[in-house]
Amino acid sequence: MDISKFLSSAPGRLLKLSEEDTAFVPDPLPPPGWTLPERLWPKLAEAKQEIGLLEGIGRSLPNSEILLRPLQNREAIRSSSLEGTYATPEQLLLLELDTEKADGGAASAVREVANYGAALQVATASELPLSLRLIKDMHRVLLRDVRGHKHTPGEFRRGQVYIGHDKRFIPPPVNELAECLDAFEKYMNHANGIDPLIRCYLIHYQFETIHPFYDGNGRVGRLLLALMLQRWCGLTKPWLYMSAFFDRFKDEYVSGLFAVSARDDWNAWVEFCIDGTIVQARDTVRRCQRLLHLKDTYQSRLLETKGSVRLSQLVEDLFAAPFTQIPRVKRRFGTSYPTAKSDVETLVKAGILREVPDMSPRTFLAHEIFAIAFDEPNE
């Protein structure tokens, strides 16, 4: 770590580990004397307005899973890609159907991404307060049966870690970890007058800087950010996720975190996060509006086929999981195989499902739902 980049104003202290290595130990939050610059007040107000619009459209959904599952799967993919773990939406969703055939590293990557989604669902369903215990629970699920599972899942590290192959940043040594985490947890549960949205950004920086685990710190930090956004910013469900923005502007994300540590640049970091909140809230609203419109279109198509109530429910299920198979439909509705096959074929004729080539058992995709959920804006 290049300590020449750290100014005297840095919000922490440098601690010599060896002749070659120096760690950074962040000061407890909140940053003393820091307030949001007046020039950012309009942006903050805009971000809150967009969050309000997102909450409104989310509440209008007849079934929250129509939006939540696609959002959570997309978040899992984008947050994992920030750490160099790549899986396609197709692989992730097919894994849920137990049809993923990849082996070796590809299968491991898909499982890592799937674990992220599982950790997100565990956390959002938990009644625990935001706490170190909840953070460790998320970490335990995240590293279950995947690369890194030997790195004490659900336990804080007992040794030194380094960020970057060139040790571009060195987090606090283990003998400082307990004190850092104690102060971190206390601040998480102490509203001190700072706007809750801004607190989310400050805490995300602090968590990534402390880096309390051997592995999975970035993903757990973004999981925690999604939870804070939900619990503190008036969201009834976790509609808002930041990983796509952080992944799209990865260099700015990494340099923004470092700039806070090196020169106390909270203003640039907070502005970056506010911009991301606005972008992600608007993007989610657009996707939700398109999904709602598509749902109405599908209902019209079903009326033309004189479809049953069962077909309507099958279509509803597709919004949560846009892949399906005839045996899956048979189990879901307790029908015979020929009836399930007829239902799927009806949706194929209506243009709602398409068969995926070369899959066994036969697998069908609601391609329009999939496109809305996972297509990325021009980057």
Protein backbone atom coordinates (compact mmCIF):
# COMPACT_ATOMS: atom_id res chain seq x y z
CA MET A 1 0.00 0.00 0.00
CA ASP A 2 1.39 3.36 -1.04
CA ILE A 3 1.27 5.37 2.19
CA SER A 4 2.43 8.51 0.35
CA LYS A 5 -1.15 8.81 -0.94
CA PHE A 6 -2.52 9.17 2.58
CA LEU A 7 -2.87 12.76 3.72
CA SER A 8 -2.86 14.01 7.29
CA SER A 9 -6.63 14.50 6.94
CA ALA A 10 -7.19 10.76 6.38
CA PRO A 11 -10.06 9.50 8.61
CA GLY A 12 -7.98 6.88 10.36
CA ARG A 13 -4.45 5.89 11.24
CA LEU A 14 -1.68 4.04 9.49
CA LEU A 15 -0.29 1.06 11.37
CA LYS A 16 3.05 -0.49 10.48
CA LEU A 17 2.83 -4.27 10.05
CA SER A 18 6.31 -4.96 8.66
CA GLU A 19 9.07 -3.27 6.74
CA GLU A 20 6.99 -3.62 3.58
CA ASP A 21 3.39 -3.38 4.77
CA THR A 22 1.31 -0.70 6.48
CA ALA A 23 -2.38 -1.14 7.31
CA PHE A 24 -5.12 1.48 7.56
CA VAL A 25 -7.40 1.51 10.60
CA PRO A 26 -10.48 3.70 10.02
CA ASP A 27 -11.79 6.02 12.69
CA PRO A 28 -15.25 5.21 14.05
CA LEU A 29 -18.25 6.76 12.31
CA PRO A 30 -19.61 9.38 11.91
CA PRO A 31 -16.91 11.53 10.29
CA PRO A 32 -16.32 14.34 12.79
CA GLY A 33 -17.43 17.71 11.48
CA TRP A 34 -18.57 16.40 8.10
CA THR A 35 -21.91 17.50 6.70
CA LEU A 36 -23.48 17.07 3.30
CA PRO A 37 -22.50 20.04 1.08
CA GLU A 38 -25.39 22.30 0.12
CA ARG A 39 -24.75 21.65 -3.57
CA LEU A 40 -25.74 17.99 -3.01
CA TRP A 41 -29.04 18.73 -1.24
CA PRO A 42 -31.02 18.82 -4.52
CA LYS A 43 -29.50 15.50 -5.58
CA LEU A 44 -30.36 13.94 -2.24
CA ALA A 45 -33.93 15.17 -2.58
CA GLU A 46 -34.09 13.71 -6.10
CA ALA A 47 -32.81 10.36 -4.85
CA LYS A 48 -35.47 10.26 -2.15
CA GLN A 49 -38.15 11.16 -4.66
CA GLU A 50 -37.06 8.29 -6.92
CA ILE A 51 -37.08 5.90 -3.96
CA GLY A 52 -40.62 7.04 -3.17
CA LEU A 53 -41.72 6.38 -6.74
CA LEU A 54 -40.13 2.94 -6.61
CA GLU A 55 -41.93 2.10 -3.38
CA GLY A 56 -45.21 3.26 -4.86
CA ILE A 57 -44.97 1.09 -7.95
CA GLY A 58 -43.70 -1.83 -5.89
CA ARG A 59 -46.74 -1.64 -3.67
CA SER A 60 -48.99 -1.65 -6.72
CA LEU A 61 -47.84 -5.10 -7.73
CA PRO A 62 -50.41 -7.86 -7.24
CA ASN A 63 -47.52 -10.16 -6.30
CA SER A 64 -44.22 -8.71 -5.08
CA GLU A 65 -42.34 -11.72 -6.47
CA ILE A 66 -43.03 -10.38 -9.96
CA LEU A 67 -40.36 -7.78 -9.26
CA LEU A 68 -38.36 -9.14 -6.32
CA ARG A 69 -37.08 -12.40 -7.76
CA PRO A 70 -35.78 -10.91 -11.03
CA LEU A 71 -34.22 -8.02 -9.09
CA GLN A 72 -32.56 -10.34 -6.60
CA ASN A 73 -31.19 -12.62 -9.32
CA ARG A 74 -29.83 -9.65 -11.24
CA GLU A 75 -28.27 -8.26 -8.05
CA ALA A 76 -26.61 -11.61 -7.36
CA ILE A 77 -25.11 -11.68 -10.86
CA ARG A 78 -23.83 -8.09 -10.83
CA SER A 79 -22.46 -8.14 -7.28
CA SER A 80 -20.62 -11.39 -7.96
CA SER A 81 -19.18 -10.08 -11.24
CA LEU A 82 -17.59 -7.23 -9.28
CA GLU A 83 -15.52 -9.92 -7.54
CA GLY A 84 -14.61 -11.69 -10.78
CA THR A 85 -17.24 -14.44 -10.45
CA TYR A 86 -19.31 -14.69 -13.61
CA ALA A 87 -22.54 -16.52 -14.32
CA THR A 88 -25.19 -15.82 -16.90
CA PRO A 89 -28.84 -15.31 -15.95
CA GLU A 90 -29.64 -18.45 -17.93
CA GLN A 91 -27.19 -20.52 -15.86
CA LEU A 92 -28.49 -19.15 -12.60
CA LEU A 93 -32.13 -19.81 -13.38
CA LEU A 94 -31.47 -23.24 -14.86
CA LEU A 95 -29.63 -24.16 -11.67
CA GLU A 96 -32.90 -23.58 -9.84
CA LEU A 97 -34.46 -26.17 -12.16
CA ASP A 98 -31.61 -28.63 -11.44
CA THR A 99 -30.70 -28.76 -15.11
CA GLU A 100 -27.38 -26.94 -15.00
CA LYS A 101 -24.86 -29.27 -16.65
CA ALA A 102 -21.71 -27.18 -16.29
CA ASP A 103 -18.76 -28.75 -14.55
CA GLY A 104 -15.64 -27.48 -12.85
CA GLY A 105 -15.22 -23.74 -12.45
CA ALA A 106 -18.36 -22.83 -14.38
CA ALA A 107 -20.61 -24.80 -12.03
CA SER A 108 -18.78 -23.37 -9.01
CA ALA A 109 -19.30 -19.81 -10.27
CA VAL A 110 -23.02 -20.43 -10.78
CA ARG A 111 -23.34 -21.83 -7.26
CA GLU A 112 -21.54 -18.80 -5.84
CA VAL A 113 -24.00 -16.49 -7.54
CA ALA A 114 -26.92 -18.64 -6.40
CA ASN A 115 -25.60 -18.49 -2.83
CA TYR A 116 -25.61 -14.70 -3.04
CA GLY A 117 -29.29 -14.77 -3.89
CA ALA A 118 -29.94 -17.23 -1.05
CA ALA A 119 -28.07 -15.02 1.43
CA LEU A 120 -30.11 -12.04 0.27
CA GLN A 121 -33.37 -13.90 0.83
CA VAL A 122 -32.25 -15.14 4.27
CA ALA A 123 -31.30 -11.62 5.31
CA THR A 124 -34.47 -9.93 4.08
CA ALA A 125 -36.61 -12.56 5.83
CA SER A 126 -34.68 -12.26 9.10
CA GLU A 127 -36.17 -10.52 12.11
CA LEU A 128 -32.72 -9.78 13.50
CA PRO A 129 -31.70 -6.13 13.76
CA LEU A 130 -28.84 -4.92 11.62
CA SER A 131 -26.00 -6.47 13.57
CA LEU A 132 -22.76 -8.41 13.42
CA ARG A 133 -24.76 -11.59 14.00
CA LEU A 134 -26.89 -10.95 10.91
CA ILE A 135 -23.79 -10.12 8.89
CA LYS A 136 -22.21 -13.43 9.89
CA ASP A 137 -25.40 -15.29 8.98
CA MET A 138 -25.27 -13.78 5.49
CA HIS A 139 -21.61 -14.72 5.15
CA ARG A 140 -22.31 -18.31 6.22
CA VAL A 141 -24.90 -18.75 3.45
CA LEU A 142 -22.75 -16.94 0.90
CA LEU A 143 -19.79 -19.32 1.25
CA ARG A 144 -21.76 -22.54 1.65
CA ASP A 145 -20.24 -25.36 -0.44
CA VAL A 146 -18.31 -23.07 -2.80
CA ARG A 147 -14.82 -21.73 -3.38
CA GLY A 148 -13.81 -20.03 -0.15
CA HIS A 149 -15.90 -22.33 2.05
CA LYS A 150 -12.72 -23.20 3.99
CA HIS A 151 -12.33 -19.53 4.90
CA THR A 152 -14.40 -19.93 8.08
CA PRO A 153 -17.91 -19.13 6.75
CA GLY A 154 -19.87 -17.11 9.28
CA GLU A 155 -16.77 -16.18 11.29
CA PHE A 156 -14.63 -13.06 11.27
CA ARG A 157 -11.07 -13.45 10.09
CA ARG A 158 -8.27 -14.38 12.46
CA GLY A 159 -5.45 -13.09 10.30
CA GLN A 160 -4.39 -10.35 7.93
CA VAL A 161 -5.96 -9.82 4.52
CA TYR A 162 -4.86 -7.70 1.58
CA ILE A 163 -6.90 -6.07 -1.18
CA GLY A 164 -5.50 -6.41 -4.68
CA HIS A 165 -2.66 -8.60 -5.86
CA ASP A 166 -0.38 -5.60 -5.40
CA LYS A 167 -1.69 -4.93 -1.87
CA ARG A 168 -3.17 -1.63 -3.04
CA PHE A 169 -5.03 -1.44 0.29
CA ILE A 170 -4.37 -3.21 3.59
CA PRO A 171 -7.30 -3.37 6.05
CA PRO A 172 -6.89 -3.31 9.84
CA PRO A 173 -4.84 -6.09 11.45
CA VAL A 174 -6.69 -8.74 13.41
CA ASN A 175 -5.80 -7.27 16.81
CA GLU A 176 -7.70 -4.09 15.82
CA LEU A 177 -10.68 -5.93 14.33
CA ALA A 178 -12.84 -6.39 17.43
CA GLU A 179 -12.68 -2.70 18.34
CA CYS A 180 -13.45 -1.63 14.77
CA LEU A 181 -16.43 -3.98 14.53
CA ASP A 182 -17.80 -3.00 17.93
CA ALA A 183 -17.82 0.68 16.94
CA PHE A 184 -19.27 -0.28 13.54
CA GLU A 185 -22.20 -2.16 15.07
CA LYS A 186 -22.94 0.63 17.54
CA TYR A 187 -23.10 3.20 14.75
CA MET A 188 -25.37 0.96 12.67
CA ASN A 189 -27.89 1.08 15.48
CA HIS A 190 -27.51 4.69 16.50
CA ALA A 191 -29.32 7.33 14.47
CA ASN A 192 -27.22 10.43 14.99
CA GLY A 193 -29.07 13.00 12.91
CA ILE A 194 -27.40 12.14 9.60
CA ASP A 195 -29.91 11.42 6.84
CA PRO A 196 -30.58 7.64 6.72
CA LEU A 197 -29.71 7.39 3.02
CA ILE A 198 -26.35 9.06 3.68
CA ARG A 199 -25.76 6.73 6.64
CA CYS A 200 -26.14 3.78 4.27
CA TYR A 201 -23.28 5.10 2.15
CA LEU A 202 -21.04 5.85 5.14
CA ILE A 203 -21.57 2.40 6.61
CA HIS A 204 -20.91 0.69 3.28
CA TYR A 205 -17.55 2.44 3.09
CA GLN A 206 -16.74 1.48 6.68
CA PHE A 207 -17.57 -2.18 6.20
CA GLU A 208 -15.46 -2.51 3.06
CA THR A 209 -12.58 -0.71 4.74
CA ILE A 210 -12.64 -2.94 7.84
CA HIS A 211 -12.88 -6.04 5.59
CA PRO A 212 -13.81 -8.38 8.46
CA PHE A 213 -13.79 -11.70 6.56
CA TYR A 214 -11.15 -13.65 4.71
CA ASP A 215 -13.41 -13.80 1.64
CA GLY A 216 -16.75 -12.41 0.51
CA ASN A 217 -16.41 -8.92 2.01
CA GLY A 218 -17.56 -7.06 -1.10
CA ARG A 219 -20.63 -9.21 -1.59
CA VAL A 220 -21.64 -9.14 2.09
CA GLY A 221 -21.14 -5.36 2.12
CA ARG A 222 -23.51 -4.93 -0.82
CA LEU A 223 -26.03 -7.30 0.77
CA LEU A 224 -25.90 -5.16 3.88
CA LEU A 225 -26.36 -2.02 1.79
CA ALA A 226 -29.55 -3.44 0.23
CA LEU A 227 -30.91 -4.24 3.70
CA MET A 228 -30.12 -0.78 5.04
CA LEU A 229 -31.77 0.85 2.04
CA GLN A 230 -34.90 -1.17 2.70
CA ARG A 231 -35.08 -0.75 6.46
CA TRP A 232 -34.07 2.88 6.72
CA CYS A 233 -35.45 4.44 3.55
CA GLY A 234 -39.15 3.63 3.67
CA LEU A 235 -39.17 0.53 1.46
CA THR A 236 -41.60 -2.24 2.38
CA LYS A 237 -39.56 -4.69 0.29
CA PRO A 238 -35.92 -4.67 -0.81
CA TRP A 239 -36.61 -3.12 -4.21
CA LEU A 240 -33.36 -1.15 -4.54
CA TYR A 241 -29.94 -2.64 -5.33
CA MET A 242 -26.70 -0.85 -6.15
CA SER A 243 -24.40 -3.56 -7.53
CA ALA A 244 -25.29 -2.96 -11.18
CA PHE A 245 -24.20 0.68 -10.85
CA PHE A 246 -21.06 -0.22 -8.90
CA ASP A 247 -20.21 -2.87 -11.50
CA ARG A 248 -20.85 -0.49 -14.40
CA PHE A 249 -18.54 2.10 -12.82
CA LYS A 250 -16.17 -0.27 -11.07
CA ASP A 251 -13.10 1.94 -11.31
CA GLU A 252 -14.96 4.90 -9.82
CA TYR A 253 -16.36 2.65 -7.08
CA VAL A 254 -12.96 1.33 -6.05
CA SER A 255 -11.22 4.71 -6.31
CA GLY A 256 -14.04 6.39 -4.39
CA LEU A 257 -13.63 4.03 -1.45
CA PHE A 258 -9.86 4.56 -1.48
CA ALA A 259 -10.20 8.35 -1.72
CA VAL A 260 -12.16 8.43 1.53
CA SER A 261 -9.42 6.50 3.33
CA ALA A 262 -6.54 8.39 1.77
CA ARG A 263 -7.77 11.98 1.87
CA ASP A 264 -11.11 12.15 3.68
CA ASP A 265 -13.03 12.66 0.43
CA TRP A 266 -16.50 11.90 1.72
CA ASN A 267 -18.12 14.39 -0.65
CA ALA A 268 -17.14 12.57 -3.83
CA TRP A 269 -18.03 9.18 -2.37
CA VAL A 270 -21.47 10.28 -1.20
CA GLU A 271 -22.20 12.04 -4.49
CA PHE A 272 -21.24 8.90 -6.41
CA CYS A 273 -23.62 6.84 -4.27
CA ILE A 274 -26.46 9.37 -4.60
CA ASP A 275 -26.05 9.30 -8.38
CA GLY A 276 -26.14 5.51 -8.27
CA THR A 277 -29.29 5.50 -6.17
CA ILE A 278 -31.07 7.73 -8.68
CA VAL A 279 -29.95 5.59 -11.62
CA GLN A 280 -30.88 2.29 -9.99
CA ALA A 281 -34.25 3.47 -8.68
CA ARG A 282 -35.23 4.77 -12.13
CA ASP A 283 -34.01 1.60 -13.81
CA THR A 284 -36.05 -0.55 -11.43
CA VAL A 285 -39.17 1.56 -11.95
CA ARG A 286 -38.82 1.17 -15.73
CA ARG A 287 -38.44 -2.58 -15.45
CA CYS A 288 -41.41 -2.81 -13.12
CA GLN A 289 -43.61 -0.77 -15.43
CA ARG A 290 -42.65 -2.97 -18.37
CA LEU A 291 -43.34 -6.14 -16.36
CA LEU A 292 -46.77 -4.86 -15.32
CA HIS A 293 -47.61 -4.00 -18.92
CA LEU A 294 -46.43 -7.42 -20.05
CA LYS A 295 -48.57 -9.09 -17.39
CA ASP A 296 -51.65 -7.33 -18.77
CA THR A 297 -50.65 -8.37 -22.30
CA TYR A 298 -50.34 -11.99 -21.21
CA GLN A 299 -53.78 -11.92 -19.61
CA SER A 300 -55.22 -10.69 -22.92
CA ARG A 301 -53.50 -13.51 -24.77
CA LEU A 302 -54.87 -16.03 -22.29
CA LEU A 303 -58.40 -14.75 -22.81
CA GLU A 304 -58.00 -15.41 -26.52
CA THR A 305 -57.03 -19.02 -25.77
CA LYS A 306 -59.95 -19.40 -23.33
CA GLY A 307 -57.36 -20.52 -20.81
CA SER A 308 -58.18 -21.86 -17.34
CA VAL A 309 -57.45 -20.27 -13.97
CA ARG A 310 -54.57 -22.74 -13.76
CA LEU A 311 -52.98 -21.21 -16.86
CA SER A 312 -53.26 -17.75 -15.31
CA GLN A 313 -51.43 -19.01 -12.22
CA LEU A 314 -48.79 -20.66 -14.38
CA VAL A 315 -48.16 -17.34 -16.11
CA GLU A 316 -47.97 -15.62 -12.72
CA ASP A 317 -45.30 -18.15 -11.68
CA LEU A 318 -43.24 -17.30 -14.74
CA PHE A 319 -42.66 -13.77 -13.47
CA ALA A 320 -40.83 -15.19 -10.47
CA ALA A 321 -39.00 -17.90 -12.44
CA PRO A 322 -39.17 -17.49 -16.25
CA PHE A 323 -37.94 -21.02 -16.97
CA THR A 324 -40.19 -24.05 -16.56
CA GLN A 325 -40.55 -27.71 -17.54
CA ILE A 326 -43.52 -30.00 -18.02
CA PRO A 327 -42.73 -32.16 -14.94
CA ARG A 328 -42.42 -28.98 -12.90
CA VAL A 329 -45.88 -27.83 -14.06
CA LYS A 330 -47.27 -31.28 -13.29
CA ARG A 331 -45.95 -31.15 -9.71
CA ARG A 332 -46.97 -27.52 -9.21
CA PHE A 333 -50.64 -28.12 -10.02
CA GLY A 334 -51.03 -31.82 -9.27
CA THR A 335 -52.19 -32.57 -12.78
CA SER A 336 -51.43 -35.44 -15.15
CA TYR A 337 -48.44 -35.23 -17.47
CA PRO A 338 -50.64 -34.85 -20.60
CA THR A 339 -52.53 -31.96 -18.96
CA ALA A 340 -49.30 -30.24 -17.95
CA LYS A 341 -47.93 -30.76 -21.47
CA SER A 342 -51.10 -29.27 -22.97
CA ASP A 343 -50.83 -26.22 -20.67
CA VAL A 344 -47.24 -25.58 -21.72
CA GLU A 345 -48.08 -26.00 -25.38
CA THR A 346 -50.93 -23.52 -25.02
CA LEU A 347 -48.49 -20.93 -23.66
CA VAL A 348 -46.09 -21.67 -26.50
CA LYS A 349 -48.86 -21.04 -29.06
CA ALA A 350 -49.74 -17.80 -27.23
CA GLY A 351 -46.15 -16.59 -27.62
CA ILE A 352 -45.55 -16.60 -23.87
CA LEU A 353 -43.11 -19.53 -23.79
CA ARG A 354 -40.39 -20.68 -26.15
CA GLU A 355 -38.64 -24.02 -26.00
CA VAL A 356 -34.93 -23.88 -25.18
CA PRO A 357 -33.02 -26.02 -27.71
CA ASP A 358 -31.10 -29.13 -26.67
CA MET A 359 -32.36 -29.34 -23.09
CA SER A 360 -33.42 -32.50 -21.30
CA PRO A 361 -35.99 -32.56 -19.87
CA ARG A 362 -37.61 -30.12 -22.29
CA THR A 363 -37.26 -26.62 -20.89
CA PHE A 364 -39.28 -23.54 -21.79
CA LEU A 365 -38.44 -19.85 -21.36
CA ALA A 366 -40.74 -16.84 -20.97
CA HIS A 367 -38.40 -14.83 -23.18
CA GLU A 368 -40.14 -11.46 -22.82
CA ILE A 369 -40.06 -11.62 -19.01
CA PHE A 370 -36.44 -12.70 -19.12
CA ALA A 371 -35.46 -9.82 -21.39
CA ILE A 372 -37.09 -7.19 -19.17
CA ALA A 373 -35.55 -8.64 -16.02
CA PHE A 374 -32.00 -9.08 -17.25
CA ASP A 375 -31.30 -6.88 -20.26
CA GLU A 376 -28.75 -4.24 -19.42
CA PRO A 377 -28.90 -0.59 -20.46
CA ASN A 378 -26.28 0.56 -22.93
CA GLU A 379 -23.05 0.78 -21.01
